Amino acid sequence: MGLELFTAGGPAAVERVRARAPVFLDLKLHDIPTTVERAARNVARLGAGLLTVHALGGMDMVGAAVRGALDGSREAGVEPPAVIAVTVLSSLAAEGLASSASLAFEAMSAGAAGAVVSGEDVETVRKALGPEALLVVPGIRPGGQPANDHARVLTPGEALERGADYIVVGRPITGSPDPSAAARGVLREIGIEA
């Protein structure tokens, strides 16, 4: 669940989705540590399974998100969300950007469970962080789909082969005239019959 749905439906949208499936709340929190800690605490109370923050916020901010998520989950009696640090947005070209591997390493050193990395970086980050890191890869496009505003894309199968734990497939599904069929097509592409 991204910013668009969360800002339209708020916590009630999280609750509705959570009644049917785990929630990946992709809010990309990035602010001073105190603000991020409080926001992560509120998110954790909603029972989300994954929460994104920006790795560029630094180790103190990522650590604050992890602490806030733990506190909020204890207060609500739910499992804490895995805090996942966004390294470099997949809409940006790689030239002159911070290293995704170093950003992910710092975020995990601060307590994050893993990182969001572009398709171009997933293999390098997987090698740097090892098998315990959760890696989320956005900008996934099934064979033949346009890249839209993502500069670095992979197919679902390529992302999984390179080390992704989770893939994010947005507009190829949400923009399809038949989203269910599009989602089933993605599942078939990675060898899952639905």
Protein backbone atom coordinates (compact mmCIF):
# COMPACT_ATOMS: atom_id res chain seq x y z
CA MET A 1 0.00 0.00 0.00
CA GLY A 2 1.64 3.20 -1.17
CA LEU A 3 1.23 6.87 -0.42
CA GLU A 4 -1.67 7.30 -2.84
CA LEU A 5 -3.90 4.71 -1.20
CA PHE A 6 -2.80 5.59 2.33
CA THR A 7 -3.50 9.30 1.88
CA ALA A 8 -6.86 8.51 0.29
CA GLY A 9 -8.02 5.82 2.71
CA GLY A 10 -5.85 6.28 5.80
CA PRO A 11 -5.65 3.73 8.60
CA ALA A 12 -9.06 2.32 7.64
CA ALA A 13 -7.60 1.20 4.29
CA VAL A 14 -4.79 -0.60 6.12
CA GLU A 15 -7.32 -2.36 8.34
CA ARG A 16 -9.42 -3.45 5.34
CA VAL A 17 -6.43 -4.87 3.48
CA ARG A 18 -4.99 -6.43 6.62
CA ALA A 19 -8.21 -8.40 7.12
CA ARG A 20 -7.39 -10.25 3.88
CA ALA A 21 -3.59 -10.19 3.54
CA PRO A 22 -0.38 -8.89 5.12
CA VAL A 23 0.21 -5.18 4.52
CA PHE A 24 3.38 -3.69 3.05
CA LEU A 25 3.04 0.00 3.93
CA ASP A 26 5.30 1.87 1.52
CA LEU A 27 5.36 5.35 3.09
CA LYS A 28 9.09 6.04 2.64
CA LEU A 29 9.31 7.95 5.92
CA HIS A 30 12.09 10.57 5.91
CA ASP A 31 12.25 13.25 8.58
CA ILE A 32 14.04 14.00 11.83
CA PRO A 33 14.47 10.89 13.99
CA THR A 34 11.84 11.87 16.57
CA THR A 35 9.16 12.43 13.94
CA VAL A 36 9.98 9.18 12.15
CA GLU A 37 9.99 7.27 15.44
CA ARG A 38 6.51 8.56 16.29
CA ALA A 39 5.19 7.88 12.79
CA ALA A 40 6.61 4.33 12.83
CA ARG A 41 4.98 3.76 16.21
CA ASN A 42 1.61 4.78 14.75
CA VAL A 43 2.13 2.54 11.71
CA ALA A 44 3.04 -0.42 13.91
CA ARG A 45 -0.21 -0.04 15.82
CA LEU A 46 -2.02 -0.66 12.52
CA GLY A 47 -0.45 -4.11 12.21
CA ALA A 48 1.46 -3.55 8.95
CA GLY A 49 3.98 -6.29 8.15
CA LEU A 50 6.51 -4.11 6.30
CA LEU A 51 7.24 -0.38 6.54
CA THR A 52 9.58 1.65 4.35
CA VAL A 53 11.83 4.51 5.42
CA HIS A 54 14.48 6.35 3.40
CA ALA A 55 18.02 5.11 4.03
CA LEU A 56 19.29 8.61 3.22
CA GLY A 57 17.73 9.73 6.51
CA GLY A 58 20.77 8.17 8.18
CA MET A 59 21.38 5.56 10.81
CA ASP A 60 19.83 7.59 13.65
CA MET A 61 16.60 8.02 11.73
CA VAL A 62 16.43 4.35 10.66
CA GLY A 63 17.16 3.26 14.24
CA ALA A 64 14.40 5.58 15.47
CA ALA A 65 11.95 3.96 13.02
CA VAL A 66 12.86 0.50 14.30
CA ARG A 67 12.40 1.62 17.94
CA GLY A 68 9.09 3.28 17.14
CA ALA A 69 7.86 0.19 15.31
CA LEU A 70 8.75 -2.02 18.28
CA ASP A 71 7.04 0.31 20.75
CA GLY A 72 3.87 0.64 18.68
CA SER A 73 3.59 -3.09 18.10
CA ARG A 74 3.95 -3.80 21.83
CA GLU A 75 1.25 -1.25 22.62
CA ALA A 76 -1.12 -2.83 20.08
CA GLY A 77 -0.19 -6.43 20.82
CA VAL A 78 0.80 -7.17 17.22
CA GLU A 79 3.97 -8.29 15.49
CA PRO A 80 6.28 -5.37 14.67
CA PRO A 81 6.64 -4.45 11.01
CA ALA A 82 9.95 -5.19 9.35
CA VAL A 83 11.48 -1.79 8.66
CA ILE A 84 12.87 -1.74 5.12
CA ALA A 85 15.15 1.10 4.01
CA VAL A 86 14.71 2.58 0.53
CA THR A 87 18.17 3.05 -0.95
CA VAL A 88 17.96 4.75 -4.36
CA LEU A 89 14.59 5.30 -6.06
CA SER A 90 14.19 3.21 -9.20
CA SER A 91 13.10 6.32 -11.09
CA LEU A 92 16.64 7.72 -10.83
CA ALA A 93 19.50 6.80 -13.12
CA ALA A 94 22.55 5.42 -11.34
CA GLU A 95 25.12 8.06 -12.25
CA GLY A 96 26.34 10.06 -9.28
CA LEU A 97 24.04 8.40 -6.76
CA ALA A 98 24.94 6.98 -3.39
CA SER A 99 25.80 3.29 -3.33
CA SER A 100 22.72 1.16 -2.66
CA ALA A 101 24.89 -1.46 -0.96
CA SER A 102 26.44 1.02 1.48
CA LEU A 103 23.07 2.65 2.24
CA ALA A 104 21.51 -0.77 2.83
CA PHE A 105 24.43 -1.88 5.03
CA GLU A 106 24.15 1.25 7.19
CA ALA A 107 20.38 0.84 7.48
CA MET A 108 20.72 -2.77 8.57
CA SER A 109 23.43 -1.74 11.05
CA ALA A 110 20.80 0.60 12.52
CA GLY A 111 18.33 -2.27 12.88
CA ALA A 112 16.47 -2.36 9.56
CA ALA A 113 15.42 -5.81 8.36
CA GLY A 114 16.46 -5.09 4.78
CA ALA A 115 16.27 -2.65 1.93
CA VAL A 116 14.38 -1.57 -1.15
CA VAL A 117 16.78 -1.70 -4.09
CA SER A 118 16.41 -1.26 -7.83
CA GLY A 119 16.71 -4.20 -10.15
CA GLU A 120 20.13 -3.04 -11.24
CA ASP A 121 21.41 -3.17 -7.65
CA VAL A 122 19.71 -6.23 -6.16
CA GLU A 123 22.48 -8.73 -6.93
CA THR A 124 25.21 -6.47 -5.53
CA VAL A 125 23.21 -5.66 -2.40
CA ARG A 126 22.34 -9.34 -1.85
CA LYS A 127 26.05 -10.24 -2.00
CA ALA A 128 26.93 -7.41 0.40
CA LEU A 129 24.20 -8.13 2.97
CA GLY A 130 23.86 -11.88 2.75
CA PRO A 131 20.80 -14.11 2.85
CA GLU A 132 19.25 -12.72 6.06
CA ALA A 133 18.43 -9.30 4.55
CA LEU A 134 14.92 -8.78 3.15
CA LEU A 135 15.25 -7.26 -0.30
CA VAL A 136 12.28 -5.57 -1.97
CA VAL A 137 12.64 -4.71 -5.66
CA PRO A 138 10.26 -2.11 -7.18
CA GLY A 139 9.76 -1.18 -10.80
CA ILE A 140 9.08 -4.75 -11.85
CA ARG A 141 7.70 -5.00 -15.35
CA PRO A 142 6.45 -8.25 -16.88
CA GLY A 143 7.91 -9.04 -20.30
CA GLY A 144 6.93 -6.45 -22.88
CA GLN A 145 5.54 -3.86 -20.43
CA PRO A 146 6.69 -0.21 -20.62
CA ALA A 147 9.10 1.04 -17.93
CA ASN A 148 6.92 4.11 -17.20
CA ASP A 149 8.96 6.44 -14.93
CA HIS A 150 11.32 3.72 -13.65
CA ALA A 151 14.85 4.02 -15.03
CA ARG A 152 16.04 0.60 -13.85
CA VAL A 153 13.59 -2.29 -14.30
CA LEU A 154 13.61 -6.09 -14.30
CA THR A 155 11.08 -8.74 -15.12
CA PRO A 156 9.65 -10.66 -12.14
CA GLY A 157 11.81 -13.70 -12.88
CA GLU A 158 14.99 -11.65 -13.27
CA ALA A 159 14.43 -9.95 -9.91
CA LEU A 160 13.92 -13.26 -8.09
CA GLU A 161 16.96 -14.83 -9.81
CA ARG A 162 19.14 -11.92 -8.66
CA GLY A 163 18.07 -12.22 -5.02
CA ALA A 164 14.78 -10.37 -4.45
CA ASP A 165 12.59 -11.58 -1.60
CA TYR A 166 9.65 -9.38 -2.62
CA ILE A 167 8.82 -7.69 -5.91
CA VAL A 168 6.67 -4.60 -6.44
CA VAL A 169 4.52 -4.66 -9.55
CA GLY A 170 2.36 -1.55 -9.67
CA ARG A 171 0.94 -0.09 -12.87
CA PRO A 172 1.12 -3.25 -14.97
CA ILE A 173 -1.57 -4.52 -12.59
CA THR A 174 -3.37 -1.40 -11.37
CA GLY A 175 -3.45 0.13 -14.87
CA SER A 176 -4.68 -3.02 -16.54
CA PRO A 177 -8.29 -3.30 -17.72
CA ASP A 178 -8.29 -6.69 -15.92
CA PRO A 179 -6.06 -6.36 -12.80
CA SER A 180 -6.79 -9.92 -11.64
CA ALA A 181 -5.68 -11.39 -14.96
CA ALA A 182 -2.58 -9.17 -14.95
CA ALA A 183 -1.67 -10.34 -11.43
CA ARG A 184 -2.19 -13.98 -12.43
CA GLY A 185 0.09 -13.37 -15.43
CA VAL A 186 2.85 -12.11 -13.14
CA LEU A 187 2.43 -15.17 -10.92
CA ARG A 188 2.63 -17.48 -13.94
CA GLU A 189 5.77 -15.67 -15.09
CA ILE A 190 7.48 -16.69 -11.82
CA GLY A 191 6.11 -20.22 -11.89
CA ILE A 192 3.13 -19.90 -9.54
CA GLU A 193 -0.26 -21.02 -10.80
CA ALA A 194 -3.12 -18.96 -9.39
